[in-house]
């Protein structure tokens, strides 16, 4: 007598990803290093943008306090 085997549905895209190993992607022209550089550049841009916005905020608050006749200690 045969045993009932569970049916496993594999989509085409999943099959292609399963056949492709992670080592194969890193061996092709150093894509891991390229993506790491891109990631570092993006994060560095975010940090630079945050610092610029913080500086602009500080200047705006300082000028607002000076207009009100207060002497901010941040200068």
PDB file of N, CA and C in Angstrom:
ATOM      1  N   UNK A   1       0.831  -1.173   0.000  1.00  0.00           N
ATOM      2  CA  UNK A   1       0.000   0.000   0.000  1.00  0.00           C
ATOM      3  C   UNK A   1       0.884   1.247   0.000  1.00  0.00           C
ATOM      4  N   UNK A   2       0.529   2.234  -0.785  1.00  0.00           N
ATOM      5  CA  UNK A   2       1.310   3.458  -0.880  1.00  0.00           C
ATOM      6  C   UNK A   2       0.923   4.426   0.230  1.00  0.00           C
ATOM      7  N   UNK A   3       1.936   5.147   0.681  1.00  0.00           N
ATOM      8  CA  UNK A   3       1.687   6.174   1.694  1.00  0.00           C
ATOM      9  C   UNK A   3       1.382   7.493   0.999  1.00  0.00           C
ATOM     10  N   UNK A   4       0.515   8.270   1.589  1.00  0.00           N
ATOM     11  CA  UNK A   4       0.209   9.591   1.042  1.00  0.00           C
ATOM     12  C   UNK A   4       1.372  10.524   1.339  1.00  0.00           C
ATOM     13  N   UNK A   5       1.913  11.075   0.300  1.00  0.00           N
ATOM     14  CA  UNK A   5       3.014  12.025   0.449  1.00  0.00           C
ATOM     15  C   UNK A   5       2.460  13.441   0.390  1.00  0.00           C
ATOM     16  N   UNK A   6       2.983  14.341   1.208  1.00  0.00           N
ATOM     17  CA  UNK A   6       2.492  15.726   1.141  1.00  0.00           C
ATOM     18  C   UNK A   6       2.918  16.371  -0.181  1.00  0.00           C
ATOM     19  N   UNK A   7       2.056  17.179  -0.713  1.00  0.00           N
ATOM     20  CA  UNK A   7       2.330  17.874  -1.969  1.00  0.00           C
ATOM     21  C   UNK A   7       3.048  19.170  -1.640  1.00  0.00           C
ATOM     22  N   UNK A   8       4.146  19.409  -2.305  1.00  0.00           N
ATOM     23  CA  UNK A   8       4.931  20.621  -2.098  1.00  0.00           C
ATOM     24  C   UNK A   8       4.887  21.438  -3.379  1.00  0.00           C
ATOM     25  N   UNK A   9       4.399  22.646  -3.285  1.00  0.00           N
ATOM     26  CA  UNK A   9       4.293  23.515  -4.453  1.00  0.00           C
ATOM     27  C   UNK A   9       5.499  24.452  -4.446  1.00  0.00           C
ATOM     28  N   UNK A  10       6.244  24.411  -5.541  1.00  0.00           N
ATOM     29  CA  UNK A  10       7.425  25.261  -5.681  1.00  0.00           C
ATOM     30  C   UNK A  10       7.191  26.166  -6.864  1.00  0.00           C
ATOM     31  N   UNK A  11       7.223  27.446  -6.620  1.00  0.00           N
ATOM     32  CA  UNK A  11       7.025  28.407  -7.702  1.00  0.00           C
ATOM     33  C   UNK A  11       8.332  28.567  -8.465  1.00  0.00           C
ATOM     34  N   UNK A  12       8.243  29.025  -9.673  1.00  0.00           N
ATOM     35  CA  UNK A  12       9.436  29.142 -10.528  1.00  0.00           C
ATOM     36  C   UNK A  12      10.495  30.040  -9.903  1.00  0.00           C
ATOM     37  N   UNK A  13      10.074  31.161  -9.389  1.00  0.00           N
ATOM     38  CA  UNK A  13      11.025  32.109  -8.807  1.00  0.00           C
ATOM     39  C   UNK A  13      11.725  31.503  -7.590  1.00  0.00           C
ATOM     40  N   UNK A  14      10.994  30.794  -6.772  1.00  0.00           N
ATOM     41  CA  UNK A  14      11.590  30.157  -5.602  1.00  0.00           C
ATOM     42  C   UNK A  14      12.592  29.089  -6.020  1.00  0.00           C
ATOM     43  N   UNK A  15      12.280  28.357  -7.070  1.00  0.00           N
ATOM     44  CA  UNK A  15      13.191  27.326  -7.547  1.00  0.00           C
ATOM     45  C   UNK A  15      14.494  27.957  -8.040  1.00  0.00           C
ATOM     46  N   UNK A  16      14.402  29.069  -8.748  1.00  0.00           N
ATOM     47  CA  UNK A  16      15.600  29.735  -9.258  1.00  0.00           C
ATOM     48  C   UNK A  16      16.450  30.263  -8.109  1.00  0.00           C
ATOM     49  N   UNK A  17      15.806  30.819  -7.083  1.00  0.00           N
ATOM     50  CA  UNK A  17      16.556  31.320  -5.929  1.00  0.00           C
ATOM     51  C   UNK A  17      17.192  30.189  -5.138  1.00  0.00           C
ATOM     52  N   UNK A  18      16.523  29.057  -5.063  1.00  0.00           N
ATOM     53  CA  UNK A  18      17.066  27.920  -4.323  1.00  0.00           C
ATOM     54  C   UNK A  18      18.286  27.340  -5.022  1.00  0.00           C
ATOM     55  N   UNK A  19      18.294  27.386  -6.345  1.00  0.00           N
ATOM     56  CA  UNK A  19      19.432  26.856  -7.093  1.00  0.00           C
ATOM     57  C   UNK A  19      20.639  27.774  -7.016  1.00  0.00           C
ATOM     58  N   UNK A  20      20.408  29.050  -6.845  1.00  0.00           N
ATOM     59  CA  UNK A  20      21.496  30.011  -6.785  1.00  0.00           C
ATOM     60  C   UNK A  20      22.033  30.072  -5.354  1.00  0.00           C
ATOM     61  N   UNK A  21      23.309  29.813  -5.195  1.00  0.00           N
ATOM     62  CA  UNK A  21      23.895  29.800  -3.864  1.00  0.00           C
ATOM     63  C   UNK A  21      24.408  31.186  -3.510  1.00  0.00           C
ATOM     64  N   UNK A  22      24.504  31.513  -2.231  1.00  0.00           N
ATOM     65  CA  UNK A  22      25.051  32.823  -1.848  1.00  0.00           C
ATOM     66  C   UNK A  22      26.512  32.990  -2.260  1.00  0.00           C
ATOM     67  N   UNK A  23      27.267  31.909  -2.305  1.00  0.00           N
ATOM     68  CA  UNK A  23      28.668  31.991  -2.701  1.00  0.00           C
ATOM     69  C   UNK A  23      28.796  32.391  -4.161  1.00  0.00           C
ATOM     70  N   UNK A  24      27.872  31.968  -4.987  1.00  0.00           N
ATOM     71  CA  UNK A  24      27.921  32.307  -6.401  1.00  0.00           C
ATOM     72  C   UNK A  24      27.706  33.801  -6.606  1.00  0.00           C
ATOM     73  N   UNK A  25      26.866  34.404  -5.806  1.00  0.00           N
ATOM     74  CA  UNK A  25      26.613  35.833  -5.975  1.00  0.00           C
ATOM     75  C   UNK A  25      27.808  36.665  -5.533  1.00  0.00           C
ATOM     76  N   UNK A  26      28.528  36.235  -4.501  1.00  0.00           N
ATOM     77  CA  UNK A  26      29.679  37.015  -4.063  1.00  0.00           C
ATOM     78  C   UNK A  26      30.878  36.794  -4.964  1.00  0.00           C
ATOM     79  N   UNK A  27      30.931  35.671  -5.663  1.00  0.00           N
ATOM     80  CA  UNK A  27      32.061  35.383  -6.533  1.00  0.00           C
ATOM     81  C   UNK A  27      31.980  36.172  -7.840  1.00  0.00           C
ATOM     82  N   UNK A  28      30.821  36.626  -8.213  1.00  0.00           N
ATOM     83  CA  UNK A  28      30.634  37.336  -9.472  1.00  0.00           C
ATOM     84  C   UNK A  28      31.020  38.801  -9.339  1.00  0.00           C
ATOM     85  N   UNK A  29      32.253  39.130  -9.555  1.00  0.00           N
ATOM     86  CA  UNK A  29      32.684  40.517  -9.607  1.00  0.00           C
ATOM     87  C   UNK A  29      32.624  41.256  -8.293  1.00  0.00           C
ATOM     88  N   UNK A  30      32.586  40.588  -7.191  1.00  0.00           N
ATOM     89  CA  UNK A  30      32.594  41.252  -5.899  1.00  0.00           C
ATOM     90  C   UNK A  30      31.348  42.054  -5.626  1.00  0.00           C
ATOM     91  N   UNK A  31      30.178  41.522  -5.882  1.00  0.00           N
ATOM     92  CA  UNK A  31      28.942  42.273  -5.671  1.00  0.00           C
ATOM     93  C   UNK A  31      28.702  42.575  -4.203  1.00  0.00           C
ATOM     94  N   UNK A  32      29.227  41.733  -3.320  1.00  0.00           N
ATOM     95  CA  UNK A  32      29.043  41.991  -1.885  1.00  0.00           C
ATOM     96  C   UNK A  32      29.807  43.246  -1.480  1.00  0.00           C
ATOM     97  N   UNK A  33      31.000  43.417  -1.993  1.00  0.00           N
ATOM     98  CA  UNK A  33      31.778  44.610  -1.655  1.00  0.00           C
ATOM     99  C   UNK A  33      31.140  45.856  -2.246  1.00  0.00           C
ATOM    100  N   UNK A  34      30.601  45.739  -3.447  1.00  0.00           N
ATOM    101  CA  UNK A  34      29.948  46.876  -4.081  1.00  0.00           C
ATOM    102  C   UNK A  34      28.723  47.301  -3.286  1.00  0.00           C
ATOM    103  N   UNK A  35      27.908  46.338  -2.885  1.00  0.00           N
ATOM    104  CA  UNK A  35      26.710  46.691  -2.127  1.00  0.00           C
ATOM    105  C   UNK A  35      27.075  47.248  -0.752  1.00  0.00           C
ATOM    106  N   UNK A  36      28.170  46.767  -0.173  1.00  0.00           N
ATOM    107  CA  UNK A  36      28.611  47.296   1.120  1.00  0.00           C
ATOM    108  C   UNK A  36      29.042  48.751   0.974  1.00  0.00           C
ATOM    109  N   UNK A  37      29.731  49.069  -0.106  1.00  0.00           N
ATOM    110  CA  UNK A  37      30.139  50.458  -0.350  1.00  0.00           C
ATOM    111  C   UNK A  37      28.921  51.354  -0.541  1.00  0.00           C
ATOM    112  N   UNK A  38      27.949  50.857  -1.303  1.00  0.00           N
ATOM    113  CA  UNK A  38      26.743  51.640  -1.520  1.00  0.00           C
ATOM    114  C   UNK A  38      26.007  51.885  -0.214  1.00  0.00           C
ATOM    115  N   UNK A  39      25.941  50.879   0.626  1.00  0.00           N
ATOM    116  CA  UNK A  39      25.277  51.008   1.916  1.00  0.00           C
ATOM    117  C   UNK A  39      25.989  52.029   2.794  1.00  0.00           C
ATOM    118  N   UNK A  40      27.322  51.969   2.815  1.00  0.00           N
ATOM    119  CA  UNK A  40      28.083  52.936   3.601  1.00  0.00           C
ATOM    120  C   UNK A  40      27.862  54.351   3.097  1.00  0.00           C
ATOM    121  N   UNK A  41      27.796  54.518   1.783  1.00  0.00           N
ATOM    122  CA  UNK A  41      27.578  55.848   1.214  1.00  0.00           C
ATOM    123  C   UNK A  41      26.201  56.390   1.594  1.00  0.00           C
ATOM    124  N   UNK A  42      25.201  55.540   1.572  1.00  0.00           N
ATOM    125  CA  UNK A  42      23.846  55.967   1.924  1.00  0.00           C
ATOM    126  C   UNK A  42      23.778  56.378   3.390  1.00  0.00           C
ATOM    127  N   UNK A  43      24.354  55.565   4.265  1.00  0.00           N
ATOM    128  CA  UNK A  43      24.321  55.873   5.698  1.00  0.00           C
ATOM    129  C   UNK A  43      25.118  57.143   5.980  1.00  0.00           C
ATOM    130  N   UNK A  44      26.256  57.302   5.332  1.00  0.00           N
ATOM    131  CA  UNK A  44      27.051  58.519   5.521  1.00  0.00           C
ATOM    132  C   UNK A  44      26.256  59.746   5.080  1.00  0.00           C
ATOM    133  N   UNK A  45      25.499  59.613   4.010  1.00  0.00           N
ATOM    134  CA  UNK A  45      24.646  60.718   3.551  1.00  0.00           C
ATOM    135  C   UNK A  45      23.576  61.056   4.565  1.00  0.00           C
ATOM    136  N   UNK A  46      22.976  60.019   5.175  1.00  0.00           N
ATOM    137  CA  UNK A  46      21.964  60.247   6.199  1.00  0.00           C
ATOM    138  C   UNK A  46      22.549  60.983   7.395  1.00  0.00           C
ATOM    139  N   UNK A  47      23.750  60.572   7.821  1.00  0.00           N
ATOM    140  CA  UNK A  47      24.400  61.204   8.975  1.00  0.00           C
ATOM    141  C   UNK A  47      24.727  62.657   8.658  1.00  0.00           C
ATOM    142  N   UNK A  48      25.256  62.902   7.467  1.00  0.00           N
ATOM    143  CA  UNK A  48      25.599  64.267   7.057  1.00  0.00           C
ATOM    144  C   UNK A  48      24.347  65.137   7.021  1.00  0.00           C
ATOM    145  N   UNK A  49      23.251  64.607   6.469  1.00  0.00           N
ATOM    146  CA  UNK A  49      22.010  65.351   6.394  1.00  0.00           C
ATOM    147  C   UNK A  49      21.462  65.648   7.794  1.00  0.00           C
ATOM    148  N   UNK A  50      21.549  64.686   8.700  1.00  0.00           N
ATOM    149  CA  UNK A  50      21.068  64.892  10.066  1.00  0.00           C
ATOM    150  C   UNK A  50      21.867  66.002  10.759  1.00  0.00           C
ATOM    151  N   UNK A  51      23.165  65.979  10.583  1.00  0.00           N
ATOM    152  CA  UNK A  51      24.002  67.019  11.210  1.00  0.00           C
ATOM    153  C   UNK A  51      23.676  68.403  10.657  1.00  0.00           C
ATOM    154  N   UNK A  52      23.445  68.495   9.348  1.00  0.00           N
ATOM    155  CA  UNK A  52      23.094  69.782   8.749  1.00  0.00           C
ATOM    156  C   UNK A  52      21.755  70.280   9.283  1.00  0.00           C
ATOM    157  N   UNK A  53      20.777  69.385   9.401  1.00  0.00           N
ATOM    158  CA  UNK A  53      19.474  69.789   9.915  1.00  0.00           C
ATOM    159  C   UNK A  53      19.563  70.209  11.375  1.00  0.00           C
ATOM    160  N   UNK A  54      20.385  69.515  12.162  1.00  0.00           N
ATOM    161  CA  UNK A  54      20.548  69.882  13.564  1.00  0.00           C
ATOM    162  C   UNK A  54      21.193  71.261  13.681  1.00  0.00           C
ATOM    163  N   UNK A  55      22.157  71.533  12.833  1.00  0.00           N
ATOM    164  CA  UNK A  55      22.813  72.844  12.843  1.00  0.00           C
ATOM    165  C   UNK A  55      21.833  73.945  12.436  1.00  0.00           C
ATOM    166  N   UNK A  56      21.014  73.689  11.424  1.00  0.00           N
ATOM    167  CA  UNK A  56      20.022  74.673  11.002  1.00  0.00           C
ATOM    168  C   UNK A  56      19.003  74.921  12.111  1.00  0.00           C
ATOM    169  N   UNK A  57      18.607  73.882  12.794  1.00  0.00           N
ATOM    170  CA  UNK A  57      17.654  74.022  13.896  1.00  0.00           C
ATOM    171  C   UNK A  57      18.276  74.858  15.017  1.00  0.00           C
ATOM    172  N   UNK A  58      19.527  74.581  15.338  1.00  0.00           N
ATOM    173  CA  UNK A  58      20.208  75.333  16.392  1.00  0.00           C
ATOM    174  C   UNK A  58      20.277  76.811  16.039  1.00  0.00           C
ATOM    175  N   UNK A  59      20.614  77.100  14.785  1.00  0.00           N
ATOM    176  CA  UNK A  59      20.699  78.504  14.358  1.00  0.00           C
ATOM    177  C   UNK A  59      19.337  79.182  14.416  1.00  0.00           C
ATOM    178  N   UNK A  60      18.292  78.478  14.017  1.00  0.00           N
ATOM    179  CA  UNK A  60      16.951  79.056  14.025  1.00  0.00           C
ATOM    180  C   UNK A  60      16.499  79.360  15.448  1.00  0.00           C
ATOM    181  N   UNK A  61      16.745  78.434  16.358  1.00  0.00           N
ATOM    182  CA  UNK A  61      16.343  78.654  17.753  1.00  0.00           C
ATOM    183  C   UNK A  61      17.144  79.803  18.354  1.00  0.00           C
ATOM    184  N   UNK A  62      18.432  79.860  18.059  1.00  0.00           N
ATOM    185  CA  UNK A  62      19.280  80.932  18.582  1.00  0.00           C
ATOM    186  C   UNK A  62      18.802  82.298  18.085  1.00  0.00           C
ATOM    187  N   UNK A  63      18.509  82.389  16.788  1.00  0.00           N
ATOM    188  CA  UNK A  63      18.050  83.678  16.257  1.00  0.00           C
ATOM    189  C   UNK A  63      16.675  84.056  16.811  1.00  0.00           C
ATOM    190  N   UNK A  64      15.814  83.061  17.019  1.00  0.00           N
ATOM    191  CA  UNK A  64      14.500  83.337  17.590  1.00  0.00           C
ATOM    192  C   UNK A  64      14.636  83.864  19.021  1.00  0.00           C
ATOM    193  N   UNK A  65      15.526  83.282  19.802  1.00  0.00           N
ATOM    194  CA  UNK A  65      15.737  83.746  21.172  1.00  0.00           C
ATOM    195  C   UNK A  65      16.327  85.145  21.199  1.00  0.00           C
ATOM    196  N   UNK A  66      17.215  85.443  20.263  1.00  0.00           N
ATOM    197  CA  UNK A  66      17.807  86.788  20.207  1.00  0.00           C
ATOM    198  C   UNK A  66      16.749  87.826  19.847  1.00  0.00           C
ATOM    199  N   UNK A  67      15.820  87.461  18.954  1.00  0.00           N
ATOM    200  CA  UNK A  67      14.744  88.387  18.592  1.00  0.00           C
ATOM    201  C   UNK A  67      13.857  88.694  19.789  1.00  0.00           C
ATOM    202  N   UNK A  68      13.707  87.750  20.679  1.00  0.00           N
ATOM    203  CA  UNK A  68      12.877  87.917  21.874  1.00  0.00           C
ATOM    204  C   UNK A  68      13.625  88.660  22.978  1.00  0.00           C
ATOM    205  N   UNK A  69      14.895  88.978  22.731  1.00  0.00           N
ATOM    206  CA  UNK A  69      15.657  89.727  23.707  1.00  0.00           C
ATOM    207  C   UNK A  69      16.394  88.849  24.706  1.00  0.00           C
ATOM    208  N   UNK A  70      16.468  87.588  24.439  1.00  0.00           N
ATOM    209  CA  UNK A  70      17.194  86.685  25.330  1.00  0.00           C
ATOM    210  C   UNK A  70      18.598  86.439  24.801  1.00  0.00           C
ATOM    211  N   UNK A  71      19.466  86.080  25.689  1.00  0.00           N
ATOM    212  CA  UNK A  71      20.842  85.788  25.288  1.00  0.00           C
ATOM    213  C   UNK A  71      21.071  84.279  25.405  1.00  0.00           C
ATOM    214  N   UNK A  72      21.012  83.569  24.298  1.00  0.00           N
ATOM    215  CA  UNK A  72      21.206  82.121  24.360  1.00  0.00           C
ATOM    216  C   UNK A  72      22.659  81.774  24.672  1.00  0.00           C
ATOM    217  N   UNK A  73      22.835  80.754  25.467  1.00  0.00           N
ATOM    218  CA  UNK A  73      24.197  80.344  25.834  1.00  0.00           C
ATOM    219  C   UNK A  73      24.797  79.379  24.804  1.00  0.00           C
ATOM    220  N   UNK A  74      24.033  78.996  23.799  1.00  0.00           N
ATOM    221  CA  UNK A  74      24.502  78.042  22.792  1.00  0.00           C
ATOM    222  C   UNK A  74      25.517  78.682  21.861  1.00  0.00           C
ATOM    223  N   UNK A  75      25.265  79.885  21.429  1.00  0.00           N
ATOM    224  CA  UNK A  75      26.090  80.661  20.516  1.00  0.00           C
ATOM    225  C   UNK A  75      26.856  79.781  19.672  1.00  0.00           C
TER     226      UNK A  75
END
